[in-house]
Amino acid sequence: MLVAVLGVLLALFGFTEQLGEGKLANLDEWLLPLLRVPGHPHIPIGPAWLMEAAQDITALGGRTMLLAVTVFAIGYLALEGKHGAMWLVAIAAGGGGFLSTVMKQLFGRDRPDVVPHLVAVTSSSFPSGHSMLAAIVYLTLGALLARFAARRRTRVYMLTVALFVTFVVGSSRVYLGVHYPTDVLAGWCAGLVWALICWLAARYLQKRGAVEKPGRG
C-alpha cells in the first residue's frame, strides 16, 4: 500500500510539472471565466437555482458531511456485526483524509483568482480535497456495500450512485470558482486510486477471513 501511495504522489508531482509548463494552466485560466456571465464575474451562468444547487452539492464533499457519512456507515456495520468491514471503512476514510492534507501541504497551490469565489475556502487548491475525499468515501462505501449486495443490478446501482456523487461534487467546485479544473482532475485521480487500493485490500482481507465476506454477519 505504501508503494501505491508513493506512486500517487509521484504521478501528481509530474502533473504539477505539466502545470508549470503552461499548457494545463492555460486551460484552467480559459475555462473558469466561461462559467460566469460576461461582464459580471460574480454571477455564474445558468438559472438562479443552479448556484444554490451547486452550493448544496458541494457540501456533500465537505469534511463535516463526509465525517457524518463515515460515522453513520461505521455505526451500521457495527450493528450488523461486520467489524472487519467497519474498521476498513474507518481506516480508508481516515487515511484518505490524512493523505489529502499532506498533498495540499506538499503542493501548496494558490486558489484561483480568475473569478470571485462563491463559497468560502481556507486551504490550498491542489489537489481538490472535496473531489478527492468524495471519491475516497463514496467510492469505498459504494464498492464495499456492493460486495454485500446479492443482485448484480443492485451492485451496479450502488457504484453508479457513488460515481455520480463524486462527479457532481468535483464539478461544483469548478462552477463555484474555488478550484481549477486540474485541481479537481487530480483529486478524482488520487481518490480513485486510494479507493481502488482499499477495495483490493478488502478482497485480500476477505480471503484471509479478516473482513466479512458477502452474505456473512
Protein backbone atom coordinates (compact mmCIF):
# COMPACT_ATOMS: atom_id res chain seq x y z
CA MET A 1 0.00 0.00 0.00
CA LEU A 2 2.84 2.39 0.80
CA VAL A 3 4.29 1.79 -2.67
CA ALA A 4 0.93 2.63 -4.22
CA VAL A 5 0.68 5.84 -2.18
CA LEU A 6 4.18 6.79 -3.30
CA GLY A 7 3.09 6.17 -6.88
CA VAL A 8 0.15 8.54 -6.43
CA LEU A 9 2.43 11.25 -5.07
CA LEU A 10 4.96 10.86 -7.89
CA ALA A 11 2.22 10.96 -10.50
CA LEU A 12 0.82 14.17 -9.03
CA PHE A 13 4.28 15.72 -8.88
CA GLY A 14 4.56 15.00 -12.61
CA PHE A 15 1.14 16.56 -13.06
CA THR A 16 2.28 19.77 -11.39
CA GLU A 17 5.32 19.86 -13.66
CA GLN A 18 2.92 19.94 -16.60
CA LEU A 19 1.08 22.79 -14.90
CA GLY A 20 4.30 24.74 -14.73
CA GLU A 21 4.85 24.36 -18.46
CA GLY A 22 1.72 26.40 -19.09
CA LYS A 23 -0.45 24.10 -21.22
CA LEU A 24 -2.75 22.95 -18.45
CA ALA A 25 -2.53 26.36 -16.77
CA ASN A 26 -3.89 27.96 -19.93
CA LEU A 27 -6.82 25.52 -19.87
CA ASP A 28 -7.55 26.48 -16.25
CA GLU A 29 -7.42 30.20 -16.97
CA TRP A 30 -9.59 29.80 -20.07
CA LEU A 31 -12.37 27.66 -18.61
CA LEU A 32 -13.26 29.43 -15.37
CA PRO A 33 -14.37 32.74 -16.97
CA LEU A 34 -16.63 30.78 -19.33
CA LEU A 35 -18.70 29.75 -16.32
CA ARG A 36 -19.55 33.38 -15.45
CA VAL A 37 -21.90 35.88 -17.08
CA PRO A 38 -19.83 38.15 -19.41
CA GLY A 39 -19.12 41.43 -17.68
CA HIS A 40 -20.36 40.09 -14.32
CA PRO A 41 -17.67 37.71 -12.96
CA HIS A 42 -19.51 37.30 -9.65
CA ILE A 43 -22.59 35.81 -11.38
CA PRO A 44 -22.35 32.19 -12.62
CA ILE A 45 -24.01 31.16 -15.86
CA GLY A 46 -27.30 29.29 -15.74
CA PRO A 47 -30.58 29.81 -13.88
CA ALA A 48 -30.55 31.30 -10.37
CA TRP A 49 -31.36 27.98 -8.70
CA LEU A 50 -28.22 26.38 -10.16
CA MET A 51 -25.86 28.27 -7.87
CA GLU A 52 -27.89 27.26 -4.81
CA ALA A 53 -27.88 23.66 -6.03
CA ALA A 54 -24.11 23.80 -6.56
CA GLN A 55 -23.61 25.11 -3.03
CA ASP A 56 -25.76 22.29 -1.64
CA ILE A 57 -23.99 19.67 -3.75
CA THR A 58 -20.50 20.86 -2.86
CA ALA A 59 -21.35 20.34 0.83
CA LEU A 60 -21.54 16.59 0.10
CA GLY A 61 -17.75 16.67 -0.29
CA GLY A 62 -17.09 18.75 2.81
CA ARG A 63 -15.28 17.24 5.77
CA THR A 64 -18.28 17.63 8.08
CA MET A 65 -20.64 15.82 5.73
CA LEU A 66 -18.12 13.11 4.88
CA LEU A 67 -17.36 12.59 8.57
CA ALA A 68 -21.08 12.18 9.24
CA VAL A 69 -21.49 9.71 6.36
CA THR A 70 -18.48 7.72 7.56
CA VAL A 71 -19.72 7.63 11.17
CA PHE A 72 -23.19 6.52 10.05
CA ALA A 73 -21.67 3.79 7.85
CA ILE A 74 -19.43 2.62 10.72
CA GLY A 75 -22.45 2.52 13.03
CA TYR A 76 -24.43 0.46 10.53
CA LEU A 77 -21.60 -2.04 10.03
CA ALA A 78 -21.10 -2.30 13.80
CA LEU A 79 -24.79 -3.04 14.35
CA GLU A 80 -24.65 -5.68 11.61
CA GLY A 81 -21.68 -7.31 13.31
CA LYS A 82 -19.35 -6.64 10.37
CA HIS A 83 -16.49 -5.37 12.49
CA GLY A 84 -13.77 -6.07 9.93
CA ALA A 85 -15.60 -4.01 7.31
CA MET A 86 -16.21 -1.33 9.95
CA TRP A 87 -12.50 -0.91 10.60
CA LEU A 88 -11.76 -0.97 6.89
CA VAL A 89 -14.12 1.96 6.29
CA ALA A 90 -12.66 3.89 9.22
CA ILE A 91 -9.07 3.36 8.05
CA ALA A 92 -9.91 4.12 4.41
CA ALA A 93 -11.62 7.42 5.28
CA GLY A 94 -9.10 8.47 7.92
CA GLY A 95 -6.10 7.54 5.79
CA GLY A 96 -7.55 9.29 2.76
CA GLY A 97 -8.17 12.46 4.76
CA PHE A 98 -4.60 12.43 6.04
CA LEU A 99 -3.23 11.85 2.53
CA SER A 100 -5.30 14.77 1.16
CA THR A 101 -3.94 17.09 3.85
CA VAL A 102 -0.35 16.03 3.18
CA MET A 103 -0.74 16.57 -0.56
CA LYS A 104 -2.13 20.07 -0.09
CA GLN A 105 0.84 20.93 2.12
CA LEU A 106 3.31 19.49 -0.38
CA PHE A 107 1.97 21.26 -3.45
CA GLY A 108 0.73 24.49 -1.84
CA ARG A 109 -1.01 25.80 -4.95
CA ASP A 110 -2.92 29.06 -4.53
CA ARG A 111 -6.66 29.20 -5.10
CA PRO A 112 -7.93 30.56 -8.43
CA ASP A 113 -8.09 34.34 -8.64
CA VAL A 114 -9.52 34.43 -12.17
CA VAL A 115 -13.10 34.79 -10.89
CA PRO A 116 -14.59 35.56 -7.46
CA HIS A 117 -15.18 32.61 -5.13
CA LEU A 118 -18.83 31.82 -4.49
CA VAL A 119 -18.16 29.85 -1.28
CA ALA A 120 -15.61 30.36 1.49
CA VAL A 121 -12.30 28.44 1.27
CA THR A 122 -9.30 28.29 3.59
CA SER A 123 -6.88 25.58 2.42
CA SER A 124 -4.59 25.22 -0.60
CA SER A 125 -6.00 24.42 -4.02
CA PHE A 126 -4.16 21.33 -5.33
CA PRO A 127 -5.49 18.69 -5.29
CA SER A 128 -9.18 19.39 -4.65
CA GLY A 129 -9.91 17.99 -1.20
CA HIS A 130 -13.65 17.84 -1.86
CA SER A 131 -13.11 15.86 -5.06
CA MET A 132 -10.53 13.53 -3.55
CA LEU A 133 -12.37 12.83 -0.31
CA ALA A 134 -15.71 12.40 -2.09
CA ALA A 135 -14.08 9.79 -4.33
CA ILE A 136 -12.47 8.07 -1.36
CA VAL A 137 -15.52 7.93 0.90
CA TYR A 138 -18.33 7.40 -1.59
CA LEU A 139 -16.46 5.00 -3.88
CA THR A 140 -15.07 2.99 -0.97
CA LEU A 141 -18.51 2.74 0.62
CA GLY A 142 -20.16 2.03 -2.74
CA ALA A 143 -17.69 -0.73 -3.58
CA LEU A 144 -17.87 -2.23 -0.10
CA LEU A 145 -21.67 -2.19 0.08
CA ALA A 146 -21.86 -3.57 -3.45
CA ARG A 147 -19.90 -6.61 -2.30
CA PHE A 148 -22.65 -7.36 0.21
CA ALA A 149 -25.46 -6.94 -2.34
CA ALA A 150 -26.92 -10.15 -3.75
CA ARG A 151 -28.24 -8.78 -7.06
CA ARG A 152 -25.99 -7.53 -9.82
CA ARG A 153 -28.29 -4.61 -10.64
CA THR A 154 -28.12 -3.51 -7.01
CA ARG A 155 -24.32 -3.56 -7.14
CA VAL A 156 -24.33 -1.55 -10.37
CA TYR A 157 -26.77 0.93 -8.84
CA MET A 158 -24.58 1.48 -5.75
CA LEU A 159 -21.44 2.05 -7.78
CA THR A 160 -23.26 4.33 -10.23
CA VAL A 161 -24.59 6.49 -7.40
CA ALA A 162 -21.10 6.69 -5.85
CA LEU A 163 -19.57 7.73 -9.18
CA PHE A 164 -22.31 10.28 -9.83
CA VAL A 165 -21.96 11.94 -6.42
CA THR A 166 -18.18 12.07 -6.84
CA PHE A 167 -18.57 13.68 -10.27
CA VAL A 168 -21.08 16.36 -9.27
CA VAL A 169 -19.13 17.32 -6.13
CA GLY A 170 -15.96 17.91 -8.15
CA SER A 171 -17.84 19.77 -10.90
CA SER A 172 -19.46 22.05 -8.33
CA ARG A 173 -16.01 23.18 -7.11
CA VAL A 174 -15.11 24.46 -10.58
CA TYR A 175 -18.55 26.04 -11.09
CA LEU A 176 -18.21 27.92 -7.79
CA GLY A 177 -14.77 29.18 -8.82
CA VAL A 178 -12.83 27.77 -5.86
CA HIS A 179 -10.82 25.22 -7.84
CA TYR A 180 -9.11 24.97 -11.19
CA PRO A 181 -10.30 22.04 -13.35
CA THR A 182 -6.86 20.44 -12.94
CA ASP A 183 -7.27 20.54 -9.14
CA VAL A 184 -10.47 18.53 -9.48
CA LEU A 185 -9.00 16.08 -12.01
CA ALA A 186 -6.05 15.43 -9.69
CA GLY A 187 -8.40 14.98 -6.74
CA TRP A 188 -10.53 12.49 -8.65
CA CYS A 189 -7.47 10.51 -9.76
CA ALA A 190 -5.91 10.39 -6.30
CA GLY A 191 -9.23 9.49 -4.67
CA LEU A 192 -9.95 6.80 -7.24
CA VAL A 193 -6.52 5.22 -6.71
CA TRP A 194 -6.97 5.25 -2.93
CA ALA A 195 -10.47 3.78 -3.20
CA LEU A 196 -9.11 1.06 -5.51
CA ILE A 197 -6.35 0.27 -3.03
CA CYS A 198 -8.95 -0.06 -0.28
CA TRP A 199 -11.13 -2.29 -2.46
CA LEU A 200 -8.19 -4.58 -3.23
CA ALA A 201 -7.32 -4.64 0.46
CA ALA A 202 -10.90 -5.63 1.26
CA ARG A 203 -10.73 -8.54 -1.20
CA TYR A 204 -7.42 -9.70 0.24
CA LEU A 205 -8.67 -9.45 3.83
CA GLN A 206 -11.89 -11.24 2.95
CA LYS A 207 -9.89 -14.17 1.61
CA ARG A 208 -7.95 -14.26 4.89
CA GLY A 209 -11.16 -14.00 6.92
CA ALA A 210 -10.25 -10.65 8.48
CA VAL A 211 -13.14 -8.88 6.74
CA GLU A 212 -16.60 -10.41 6.44
CA LYS A 213 -17.44 -11.96 3.09
CA PRO A 214 -20.67 -11.06 1.26
CA GLY A 215 -23.66 -12.59 2.96
CA ARG A 216 -21.90 -13.21 6.27
CA GLY A 217 -22.71 -11.46 9.53
